[in-house]
Amino acid sequence: MAVLSYRGLRRSVALLACLASAAGALTGSPAPPTMTAKPFRAVQMNLCNSGLAGCYTGWSVNRAAAVIRREEPDLVTLNEVCQGDVERLGRTLRRVLRSDSVVQAFKAAPDRPTASATRCRDGQQYGIGLLAHVPEPHRGVTTHSGIYPIQDIRDPEVRAWLCVHAPGHVHACTTHLAYMTPAIALAQCRYLLDTAVPAIRSRYGYEPMVLGGDLNLSYGGSPDVRSCLPAGYRRHDDGALQHVMTTGDVRLDGRRSIAMDGTTDHPSLLVALTIRAVSGGRRKA
């Protein structure tokens, strides 16, 4: 039996969606809202690329590009990166998917001592980023970000969150939480999922959510990462501190850690998902 590649599966799903839309047009009336299921691959990466931490090697972005070329993800969430890293990896993903419909976003982490953006060794802004493939129909995206109201004052890096909302597709987010005090990381996680994301939904509408990040919280830890999950959410981890969290309408199909060959101090976390969403209608937040 032939095995369909992930790229081939992606194109087959898109073709079926187009045929369904065309059928509705021929009948002269829109089809009623239906549930669609789309394969979706998310990769979470912490690249330790500021140039200031002991885990810096200067090679993690090259390794990240190789992972993107091999895995062809729909979403890449990035922690501890420079602004130019997000731009470079965005170009890589566009080439891999042969699509210009890749959205990239970056949020600088403020530096407490200077009250300005934290800087990488080469002077670029340092923070978190994400890349998201937004297939047709492309209705534009909105980018949202913020600073947590709860911070560890001993940490010079002020922690932030970043989300991209693609109507009709997905609500994608990333964050890198406080590392010195787990209780503060937990409070930040709860703020993102209980306050920030619901506020975006109340204004822009509901989409299935996928969050990837280095949360500095673990399964079975004290506190336990599960204690910040809203009811019905799902969670997948790399066996340590990196997690992918989703709303309950996103199914887990598989997960694995990807070795970064010593270029950073974290593996990459790949999670294969199926997003079940309403086609032809809108769900309420």
C-alpha atoms as a PDB file:
ATOM      1  CA  MET A   1       0.000   0.000   0.000  1.00  0.00           C
ATOM      2  CA  ALA A   2       1.386   3.401  -0.943  1.00  0.00           C
ATOM      3  CA  VAL A   3       2.195   5.807   1.839  1.00  0.00           C
ATOM      4  CA  LEU A   4       1.017   9.401   1.362  1.00  0.00           C
ATOM      5  CA  SER A   5       3.642  12.006   2.319  1.00  0.00           C
ATOM      6  CA  TYR A   6       2.682  14.765   4.712  1.00  0.00           C
ATOM      7  CA  ARG A   7       2.981  17.344   1.919  1.00  0.00           C
ATOM      8  CA  GLY A   8       0.758  15.174  -0.272  1.00  0.00           C
ATOM      9  CA  LEU A   9      -1.771  14.779   2.530  1.00  0.00           C
ATOM     10  CA  ARG A  10      -1.845  18.547   3.050  1.00  0.00           C
ATOM     11  CA  ARG A  11      -2.568  19.103  -0.646  1.00  0.00           C
ATOM     12  CA  SER A  12      -5.243  16.379  -0.692  1.00  0.00           C
ATOM     13  CA  VAL A  13      -7.079  17.958   2.224  1.00  0.00           C
ATOM     14  CA  ALA A  14      -6.937  21.373   0.530  1.00  0.00           C
ATOM     15  CA  LEU A  15      -8.282  19.869  -2.736  1.00  0.00           C
ATOM     16  CA  LEU A  16     -11.225  18.247  -0.970  1.00  0.00           C
ATOM     17  CA  ALA A  17     -12.066  21.551   0.704  1.00  0.00           C
ATOM     18  CA  CYS A  18     -12.033  23.337  -2.669  1.00  0.00           C
ATOM     19  CA  LEU A  19     -14.286  20.671  -4.248  1.00  0.00           C
ATOM     20  CA  ALA A  20     -16.784  20.998  -1.412  1.00  0.00           C
ATOM     21  CA  SER A  21     -16.844  24.774  -1.833  1.00  0.00           C
ATOM     22  CA  ALA A  22     -17.345  24.444  -5.594  1.00  0.00           C
ATOM     23  CA  ALA A  23     -20.233  22.010  -5.086  1.00  0.00           C
ATOM     24  CA  GLY A  24     -21.976  24.546  -2.871  1.00  0.00           C
ATOM     25  CA  ALA A  25     -21.526  27.251  -5.488  1.00  0.00           C
ATOM     26  CA  LEU A  26     -23.072  25.074  -8.232  1.00  0.00           C
ATOM     27  CA  THR A  27     -26.231  24.477  -6.209  1.00  0.00           C
ATOM     28  CA  GLY A  28     -26.730  28.225  -5.854  1.00  0.00           C
ATOM     29  CA  SER A  29     -26.817  28.149  -2.057  1.00  0.00           C
ATOM     30  CA  PRO A  30     -24.128  27.927   0.607  1.00  0.00           C
ATOM     31  CA  ALA A  31     -23.538  24.594   2.280  1.00  0.00           C
ATOM     32  CA  PRO A  32     -24.473  24.398   5.964  1.00  0.00           C
ATOM     33  CA  PRO A  33     -21.666  24.588   8.515  1.00  0.00           C
ATOM     34  CA  THR A  34     -19.809  21.304   8.851  1.00  0.00           C
ATOM     35  CA  MET A  35     -16.930  20.011  10.934  1.00  0.00           C
ATOM     36  CA  THR A  36     -13.632  19.673   9.106  1.00  0.00           C
ATOM     37  CA  ALA A  37     -10.521  17.843  10.271  1.00  0.00           C
ATOM     38  CA  LYS A  38      -7.121  19.141   9.202  1.00  0.00           C
ATOM     39  CA  PRO A  39      -3.712  17.587   9.947  1.00  0.00           C
ATOM     40  CA  PHE A  40      -1.472  20.069  11.735  1.00  0.00           C
ATOM     41  CA  ARG A  41       2.136  19.778  12.894  1.00  0.00           C
ATOM     42  CA  ALA A  42       3.609  22.003  15.576  1.00  0.00           C
ATOM     43  CA  VAL A  43       7.261  22.277  16.593  1.00  0.00           C
ATOM     44  CA  GLN A  44       8.389  24.004  19.793  1.00  0.00           C
ATOM     45  CA  MET A  45      12.023  25.149  19.984  1.00  0.00           C
ATOM     46  CA  ASN A  46      14.174  26.909  22.577  1.00  0.00           C
ATOM     47  CA  LEU A  47      17.272  27.973  20.621  1.00  0.00           C
ATOM     48  CA  CYS A  48      19.326  29.686  23.356  1.00  0.00           C
ATOM     49  CA  ASN A  49      20.603  32.122  20.756  1.00  0.00           C
ATOM     50  CA  SER A  50      21.076  35.371  22.665  1.00  0.00           C
ATOM     51  CA  GLY A  51      24.816  34.864  22.712  1.00  0.00           C
ATOM     52  CA  LEU A  52      24.858  35.697  26.417  1.00  0.00           C
ATOM     53  CA  ALA A  53      23.844  32.392  28.075  1.00  0.00           C
ATOM     54  CA  GLY A  54      26.150  29.464  28.688  1.00  0.00           C
ATOM     55  CA  CYS A  55      24.089  27.246  26.357  1.00  0.00           C
ATOM     56  CA  TYR A  56      24.873  29.456  23.330  1.00  0.00           C
ATOM     57  CA  THR A  57      26.761  27.726  20.497  1.00  0.00           C
ATOM     58  CA  GLY A  58      25.985  29.891  17.467  1.00  0.00           C
ATOM     59  CA  TRP A  59      24.660  26.867  15.552  1.00  0.00           C
ATOM     60  CA  SER A  60      21.117  26.392  16.868  1.00  0.00           C
ATOM     61  CA  VAL A  61      19.399  28.395  14.112  1.00  0.00           C
ATOM     62  CA  ASN A  62      21.115  26.285  11.442  1.00  0.00           C
ATOM     63  CA  ARG A  63      19.907  23.165  13.207  1.00  0.00           C
ATOM     64  CA  ALA A  64      16.395  24.624  13.546  1.00  0.00           C
ATOM     65  CA  ALA A  65      16.298  25.301   9.798  1.00  0.00           C
ATOM     66  CA  ALA A  66      17.263  21.684   9.118  1.00  0.00           C
ATOM     67  CA  VAL A  67      14.433  20.475  11.392  1.00  0.00           C
ATOM     68  CA  ILE A  68      11.944  22.713   9.578  1.00  0.00           C
ATOM     69  CA  ARG A  69      13.075  21.431   6.182  1.00  0.00           C
ATOM     70  CA  ARG A  70      12.666  17.824   7.300  1.00  0.00           C
ATOM     71  CA  GLU A  71       9.441  18.053   9.305  1.00  0.00           C
ATOM     72  CA  GLU A  72       7.455  20.627   7.244  1.00  0.00           C
ATOM     73  CA  PRO A  73       5.504  22.001  10.223  1.00  0.00           C
ATOM     74  CA  ASP A  74       2.444  24.217  10.119  1.00  0.00           C
ATOM     75  CA  LEU A  75       3.494  26.041  13.297  1.00  0.00           C
ATOM     76  CA  VAL A  76       6.911  26.770  14.783  1.00  0.00           C
ATOM     77  CA  THR A  77       7.066  28.372  18.229  1.00  0.00           C
ATOM     78  CA  LEU A  78      10.423  29.902  19.156  1.00  0.00           C
ATOM     79  CA  ASN A  79      11.940  30.857  22.511  1.00  0.00           C
ATOM     80  CA  GLU A  80      15.262  32.558  23.279  1.00  0.00           C
ATOM     81  CA  VAL A  81      15.730  33.907  19.767  1.00  0.00           C
ATOM     82  CA  CYS A  82      16.890  37.112  18.142  1.00  0.00           C
ATOM     83  CA  GLN A  83      14.531  39.005  15.848  1.00  0.00           C
ATOM     84  CA  GLY A  84      16.572  38.106  12.779  1.00  0.00           C
ATOM     85  CA  ASP A  85      16.309  34.400  13.644  1.00  0.00           C
ATOM     86  CA  VAL A  86      12.538  34.569  13.226  1.00  0.00           C
ATOM     87  CA  GLU A  87      12.921  36.266   9.845  1.00  0.00           C
ATOM     88  CA  ARG A  88      15.473  33.704   8.664  1.00  0.00           C
ATOM     89  CA  LEU A  89      13.428  30.693   9.776  1.00  0.00           C
ATOM     90  CA  GLY A  90      10.315  32.249   8.250  1.00  0.00           C
ATOM     91  CA  ARG A  91      12.047  32.288   4.870  1.00  0.00           C
ATOM     92  CA  THR A  92      13.004  28.643   5.384  1.00  0.00           C
ATOM     93  CA  LEU A  93       9.412  27.625   6.114  1.00  0.00           C
ATOM     94  CA  ARG A  94       8.103  29.502   3.074  1.00  0.00           C
ATOM     95  CA  ARG A  95      10.556  27.662   0.834  1.00  0.00           C
ATOM     96  CA  VAL A  96       9.733  24.294   2.385  1.00  0.00           C
ATOM     97  CA  LEU A  97       5.970  24.720   2.034  1.00  0.00           C
ATOM     98  CA  ARG A  98       6.294  26.533  -1.298  1.00  0.00           C
ATOM     99  CA  SER A  99       3.869  29.089   0.054  1.00  0.00           C
ATOM    100  CA  ASP A 100       3.887  32.805   0.762  1.00  0.00           C
ATOM    101  CA  SER A 101       1.114  32.283   3.312  1.00  0.00           C
ATOM    102  CA  VAL A 102       3.487  31.981   6.271  1.00  0.00           C
ATOM    103  CA  VAL A 103       2.945  34.542   9.005  1.00  0.00           C
ATOM    104  CA  GLN A 104       5.806  35.456  11.323  1.00  0.00           C
ATOM    105  CA  ALA A 105       5.666  37.371  14.574  1.00  0.00           C
ATOM    106  CA  PHE A 106       8.179  38.445  17.213  1.00  0.00           C
ATOM    107  CA  LYS A 107       7.887  39.898  20.709  1.00  0.00           C
ATOM    108  CA  ALA A 108      10.940  41.385  22.391  1.00  0.00           C
ATOM    109  CA  ALA A 109      11.491  40.614  26.061  1.00  0.00           C
ATOM    110  CA  PRO A 110      11.961  43.842  28.031  1.00  0.00           C
ATOM    111  CA  ASP A 111      15.162  44.166  30.051  1.00  0.00           C
ATOM    112  CA  ARG A 112      14.448  45.187  33.629  1.00  0.00           C
ATOM    113  CA  PRO A 113      17.732  47.039  34.365  1.00  0.00           C
ATOM    114  CA  THR A 114      17.588  49.245  31.258  1.00  0.00           C
ATOM    115  CA  ALA A 115      13.784  49.439  30.801  1.00  0.00           C
ATOM    116  CA  SER A 116      14.296  48.766  27.084  1.00  0.00           C
ATOM    117  CA  ALA A 117      14.298  45.643  24.911  1.00  0.00           C
ATOM    118  CA  THR A 118      16.668  42.845  25.868  1.00  0.00           C
ATOM    119  CA  ARG A 119      19.425  42.601  23.262  1.00  0.00           C
ATOM    120  CA  CYS A 120      21.289  39.679  21.771  1.00  0.00           C
ATOM    121  CA  ARG A 121      25.078  39.789  21.643  1.00  0.00           C
ATOM    122  CA  ASP A 122      24.948  41.210  18.117  1.00  0.00           C
ATOM    123  CA  GLY A 123      22.570  44.016  19.123  1.00  0.00           C
ATOM    124  CA  GLN A 124      19.334  42.540  17.775  1.00  0.00           C
ATOM    125  CA  GLN A 125      16.259  42.448  19.954  1.00  0.00           C
ATOM    126  CA  TYR A 126      15.853  39.209  21.913  1.00  0.00           C
ATOM    127  CA  GLY A 127      12.626  37.423  22.803  1.00  0.00           C
ATOM    128  CA  ILE A 128      10.045  34.966  21.499  1.00  0.00           C
ATOM    129  CA  GLY A 129       8.597  34.344  18.032  1.00  0.00           C
ATOM    130  CA  LEU A 130       6.366  32.138  15.974  1.00  0.00           C
ATOM    131  CA  LEU A 131       5.822  31.073  12.376  1.00  0.00           C
ATOM    132  CA  ALA A 132       2.398  29.906  11.208  1.00  0.00           C
ATOM    133  CA  HIS A 133       1.249  28.577   7.854  1.00  0.00           C
ATOM    134  CA  VAL A 134      -2.157  30.073   7.051  1.00  0.00           C
ATOM    135  CA  PRO A 135      -3.664  28.277   4.028  1.00  0.00           C
ATOM    136  CA  GLU A 136      -6.511  29.537   1.858  1.00  0.00           C
ATOM    137  CA  PRO A 137      -8.973  30.997   2.425  1.00  0.00           C
ATOM    138  CA  HIS A 138      -6.650  33.593   3.943  1.00  0.00           C
ATOM    139  CA  ARG A 139      -8.681  36.228   5.776  1.00  0.00           C
ATOM    140  CA  GLY A 140      -5.714  38.043   7.250  1.00  0.00           C
ATOM    141  CA  VAL A 141      -4.344  37.685  10.762  1.00  0.00           C
ATOM    142  CA  THR A 142      -4.155  39.738  13.914  1.00  0.00           C
ATOM    143  CA  THR A 143      -1.128  39.655  16.202  1.00  0.00           C
ATOM    144  CA  HIS A 144      -1.458  40.069  19.960  1.00  0.00           C
ATOM    145  CA  SER A 145       1.197  40.236  22.645  1.00  0.00           C
ATOM    146  CA  GLY A 146       1.735  41.419  26.153  1.00  0.00           C
ATOM    147  CA  ILE A 147       3.802  41.481  29.315  1.00  0.00           C
ATOM    148  CA  TYR A 148       2.717  39.400  32.279  1.00  0.00           C
ATOM    149  CA  PRO A 149       1.480  41.457  35.226  1.00  0.00           C
ATOM    150  CA  ILE A 150       3.256  38.977  37.522  1.00  0.00           C
ATOM    151  CA  GLN A 151       7.064  38.930  37.172  1.00  0.00           C
ATOM    152  CA  ASP A 152      10.065  37.635  39.098  1.00  0.00           C
ATOM    153  CA  ILE A 153      11.883  40.823  40.068  1.00  0.00           C
ATOM    154  CA  ARG A 154      15.140  38.888  40.458  1.00  0.00           C
ATOM    155  CA  ASP A 155      15.115  38.036  36.742  1.00  0.00           C
ATOM    156  CA  PRO A 156      16.431  40.781  34.420  1.00  0.00           C
ATOM    157  CA  GLU A 157      14.368  39.323  31.553  1.00  0.00           C
ATOM    158  CA  VAL A 158      10.734  40.448  31.740  1.00  0.00           C
ATOM    159  CA  ARG A 159       8.511  37.624  30.514  1.00  0.00           C
ATOM    160  CA  ALA A 160       6.063  38.076  27.628  1.00  0.00           C
ATOM    161  CA  TRP A 161       3.483  36.222  25.538  1.00  0.00           C
ATOM    162  CA  LEU A 162       2.678  36.312  21.815  1.00  0.00           C
ATOM    163  CA  CYS A 163      -0.341  35.095  19.806  1.00  0.00           C
ATOM    164  CA  VAL A 164      -1.470  35.138  16.175  1.00  0.00           C
ATOM    165  CA  HIS A 165      -5.160  34.734  15.348  1.00  0.00           C
ATOM    166  CA  ALA A 166      -5.934  33.429  11.845  1.00  0.00           C
ATOM    167  CA  PRO A 167      -9.717  33.505  11.296  1.00  0.00           C
ATOM    168  CA  GLY A 168     -11.066  30.196  10.063  1.00  0.00           C
ATOM    169  CA  HIS A 169      -7.849  28.372  10.931  1.00  0.00           C
ATOM    170  CA  VAL A 170      -6.102  28.573  14.269  1.00  0.00           C
ATOM    171  CA  HIS A 171      -5.184  30.671  17.268  1.00  0.00           C
ATOM    172  CA  ALA A 172      -1.419  30.123  17.750  1.00  0.00           C
ATOM    173  CA  CYS A 173       0.565  31.295  20.772  1.00  0.00           C
ATOM    174  CA  THR A 174       3.984  31.037  22.360  1.00  0.00           C
ATOM    175  CA  THR A 175       5.594  32.097  25.618  1.00  0.00           C
ATOM    176  CA  HIS A 176       8.707  31.573  27.740  1.00  0.00           C
ATOM    177  CA  LEU A 177       7.840  31.655  31.432  1.00  0.00           C
ATOM    178  CA  ALA A 178       9.846  32.630  34.508  1.00  0.00           C
ATOM    179  CA  TYR A 179      12.526  30.123  35.463  1.00  0.00           C
ATOM    180  CA  MET A 180      13.682  31.093  38.960  1.00  0.00           C
ATOM    181  CA  THR A 181      10.376  30.636  40.803  1.00  0.00           C
ATOM    182  CA  PRO A 182       7.947  27.926  39.588  1.00  0.00           C
ATOM    183  CA  ALA A 183       5.028  29.557  41.410  1.00  0.00           C
ATOM    184  CA  ILE A 184       5.501  32.700  39.296  1.00  0.00           C
ATOM    185  CA  ALA A 185       5.689  30.603  36.101  1.00  0.00           C
ATOM    186  CA  LEU A 186       2.405  28.968  37.131  1.00  0.00           C
ATOM    187  CA  ALA A 187       0.747  32.352  37.704  1.00  0.00           C
ATOM    188  CA  GLN A 188       1.936  33.516  34.276  1.00  0.00           C
ATOM    189  CA  CYS A 189       0.589  30.362  32.624  1.00  0.00           C
ATOM    190  CA  ARG A 190      -2.788  30.879  34.289  1.00  0.00           C
ATOM    191  CA  TYR A 191      -2.879  34.525  33.217  1.00  0.00           C
ATOM    192  CA  LEU A 192      -2.237  33.607  29.575  1.00  0.00           C
ATOM    193  CA  LEU A 193      -4.853  30.846  29.404  1.00  0.00           C
ATOM    194  CA  ASP A 194      -7.481  32.296  31.746  1.00  0.00           C
ATOM    195  CA  THR A 195      -7.239  36.016  30.923  1.00  0.00           C
ATOM    196  CA  ALA A 196      -5.221  36.967  27.817  1.00  0.00           C
ATOM    197  CA  VAL A 197      -6.492  34.318  25.377  1.00  0.00           C
ATOM    198  CA  PRO A 198     -10.174  34.627  26.434  1.00  0.00           C
ATOM    199  CA  ALA A 199      -9.935  38.413  25.985  1.00  0.00           C
ATOM    200  CA  ILE A 200      -8.737  37.959  22.387  1.00  0.00           C
ATOM    201  CA  ARG A 201     -11.504  35.459  21.687  1.00  0.00           C
ATOM    202  CA  SER A 202     -14.184  37.739  23.097  1.00  0.00           C
ATOM    203  CA  ARG A 203     -13.198  40.354  20.528  1.00  0.00           C
ATOM    204  CA  TYR A 204     -12.174  38.306  17.480  1.00  0.00           C
ATOM    205  CA  GLY A 205     -14.074  35.009  17.845  1.00  0.00           C
ATOM    206  CA  TYR A 206     -13.158  31.437  18.586  1.00  0.00           C
ATOM    207  CA  GLU A 207     -10.607  29.285  16.773  1.00  0.00           C
ATOM    208  CA  PRO A 208      -8.905  26.095  18.015  1.00  0.00           C
ATOM    209  CA  MET A 209      -5.809  27.103  19.964  1.00  0.00           C
ATOM    210  CA  VAL A 210      -2.289  25.675  19.886  1.00  0.00           C
ATOM    211  CA  LEU A 211       0.265  27.028  22.372  1.00  0.00           C
ATOM    212  CA  GLY A 212       3.934  26.026  22.327  1.00  0.00           C
ATOM    213  CA  GLY A 213       6.489  27.193  24.835  1.00  0.00           C
ATOM    214  CA  ASP A 214       9.192  26.585  27.390  1.00  0.00           C
ATOM    215  CA  LEU A 215       6.982  26.928  30.452  1.00  0.00           C
ATOM    216  CA  ASN A 216       9.601  26.061  33.077  1.00  0.00           C
ATOM    217  CA  LEU A 217       6.943  23.803  34.625  1.00  0.00           C
ATOM    218  CA  SER A 218       6.839  20.022  34.498  1.00  0.00           C
ATOM    219  CA  TYR A 219       4.369  17.167  34.672  1.00  0.00           C
ATOM    220  CA  GLY A 220       4.312  15.914  38.246  1.00  0.00           C
ATOM    221  CA  GLY A 221       6.343  18.890  39.436  1.00  0.00           C
ATOM    222  CA  SER A 222       5.608  21.218  42.320  1.00  0.00           C
ATOM    223  CA  PRO A 223       3.649  23.073  41.148  1.00  0.00           C
ATOM    224  CA  ASP A 224       2.379  20.722  38.440  1.00  0.00           C
ATOM    225  CA  VAL A 225       2.000  22.188  34.937  1.00  0.00           C
ATOM    226  CA  ARG A 226      -1.446  20.584  34.722  1.00  0.00           C
ATOM    227  CA  SER A 227      -2.768  22.960  37.365  1.00  0.00           C
ATOM    228  CA  CYS A 228      -2.725  25.854  34.870  1.00  0.00           C
ATOM    229  CA  LEU A 229      -4.744  24.005  32.194  1.00  0.00           C
ATOM    230  CA  PRO A 230      -8.351  25.166  31.744  1.00  0.00           C
ATOM    231  CA  ALA A 231     -11.008  22.448  31.733  1.00  0.00           C
ATOM    232  CA  GLY A 232     -11.019  20.466  28.488  1.00  0.00           C
ATOM    233  CA  TYR A 233      -7.529  21.494  27.346  1.00  0.00           C
ATOM    234  CA  ARG A 234      -4.911  18.934  26.297  1.00  0.00           C
ATOM    235  CA  ARG A 235      -1.169  18.988  26.995  1.00  0.00           C
ATOM    236  CA  HIS A 236       1.869  17.308  25.470  1.00  0.00           C
ATOM    237  CA  ASP A 237       5.480  17.660  26.624  1.00  0.00           C
ATOM    238  CA  ASP A 238       9.082  16.729  25.855  1.00  0.00           C
ATOM    239  CA  GLY A 239       9.487  14.954  29.190  1.00  0.00           C
ATOM    240  CA  ALA A 240      10.828  18.144  30.752  1.00  0.00           C
ATOM    241  CA  LEU A 241       9.826  21.828  30.564  1.00  0.00           C
ATOM    242  CA  GLN A 242       8.634  22.354  26.990  1.00  0.00           C
ATOM    243  CA  HIS A 243       4.948  21.870  26.266  1.00  0.00           C
ATOM    244  CA  VAL A 244       2.333  22.114  23.540  1.00  0.00           C
ATOM    245  CA  MET A 245      -1.132  22.894  24.890  1.00  0.00           C
ATOM    246  CA  THR A 246      -4.341  22.804  22.870  1.00  0.00           C
ATOM    247  CA  THR A 247      -8.057  23.292  23.208  1.00  0.00           C
ATOM    248  CA  GLY A 248     -10.131  20.122  23.430  1.00  0.00           C
ATOM    249  CA  ASP A 249     -11.147  20.215  19.765  1.00  0.00           C
ATOM    250  CA  VAL A 250      -7.549  19.440  18.756  1.00  0.00           C
ATOM    251  CA  ARG A 251      -6.641  15.740  18.667  1.00  0.00           C
ATOM    252  CA  LEU A 252      -3.185  14.393  19.468  1.00  0.00           C
ATOM    253  CA  ASP A 253      -1.921  12.023  16.779  1.00  0.00           C
ATOM    254  CA  GLY A 254       1.705  11.662  17.884  1.00  0.00           C
ATOM    255  CA  ARG A 255       4.667  13.401  19.493  1.00  0.00           C
ATOM    256  CA  ARG A 256       8.408  13.035  19.681  1.00  0.00           C
ATOM    257  CA  SER A 257      11.503  14.885  20.768  1.00  0.00           C
ATOM    258  CA  ILE A 258      14.023  15.894  18.113  1.00  0.00           C
ATOM    259  CA  ALA A 259      17.692  16.052  19.067  1.00  0.00           C
ATOM    260  CA  MET A 260      19.344  19.393  18.381  1.00  0.00           C
ATOM    261  CA  ASP A 261      22.843  17.845  18.302  1.00  0.00           C
ATOM    262  CA  GLY A 262      24.239  19.954  21.124  1.00  0.00           C
ATOM    263  CA  THR A 263      23.464  23.278  19.435  1.00  0.00           C
ATOM    264  CA  THR A 264      21.135  24.301  22.296  1.00  0.00           C
ATOM    265  CA  ASP A 265      20.276  22.914  25.730  1.00  0.00           C
ATOM    266  CA  HIS A 266      16.738  21.795  24.761  1.00  0.00           C
ATOM    267  CA  PRO A 267      15.460  19.241  22.253  1.00  0.00           C
ATOM    268  CA  SER A 268      12.739  20.321  19.855  1.00  0.00           C
ATOM    269  CA  LEU A 269       9.246  19.009  20.532  1.00  0.00           C
ATOM    270  CA  LEU A 270       7.217  17.877  17.500  1.00  0.00           C
ATOM    271  CA  VAL A 271       3.502  17.267  18.001  1.00  0.00           C
ATOM    272  CA  ALA A 272       1.270  15.931  15.217  1.00  0.00           C
ATOM    273  CA  LEU A 273      -2.324  17.102  15.640  1.00  0.00           C
ATOM    274  CA  THR A 274      -5.691  17.071  13.936  1.00  0.00           C
ATOM    275  CA  ILE A 275      -7.637  20.304  14.241  1.00  0.00           C
ATOM    276  CA  ARG A 276     -11.399  19.910  14.145  1.00  0.00           C
ATOM    277  CA  ALA A 277     -13.017  23.185  13.196  1.00  0.00           C
ATOM    278  CA  VAL A 278     -16.327  24.504  11.895  1.00  0.00           C
ATOM    279  CA  SER A 279     -16.346  25.092   8.137  1.00  0.00           C
ATOM    280  CA  GLY A 280     -18.892  27.573   6.766  1.00  0.00           C
ATOM    281  CA  GLY A 281     -19.826  29.008  10.154  1.00  0.00           C
ATOM    282  CA  ARG A 282     -18.396  30.632  13.232  1.00  0.00           C
ATOM    283  CA  ARG A 283     -18.263  29.315  16.759  1.00  0.00           C
ATOM    284  CA  LYS A 284     -18.815  31.601  19.687  1.00  0.00           C
ATOM    285  CA  ALA A 285     -15.961  32.288  22.085  1.00  0.00           C
END
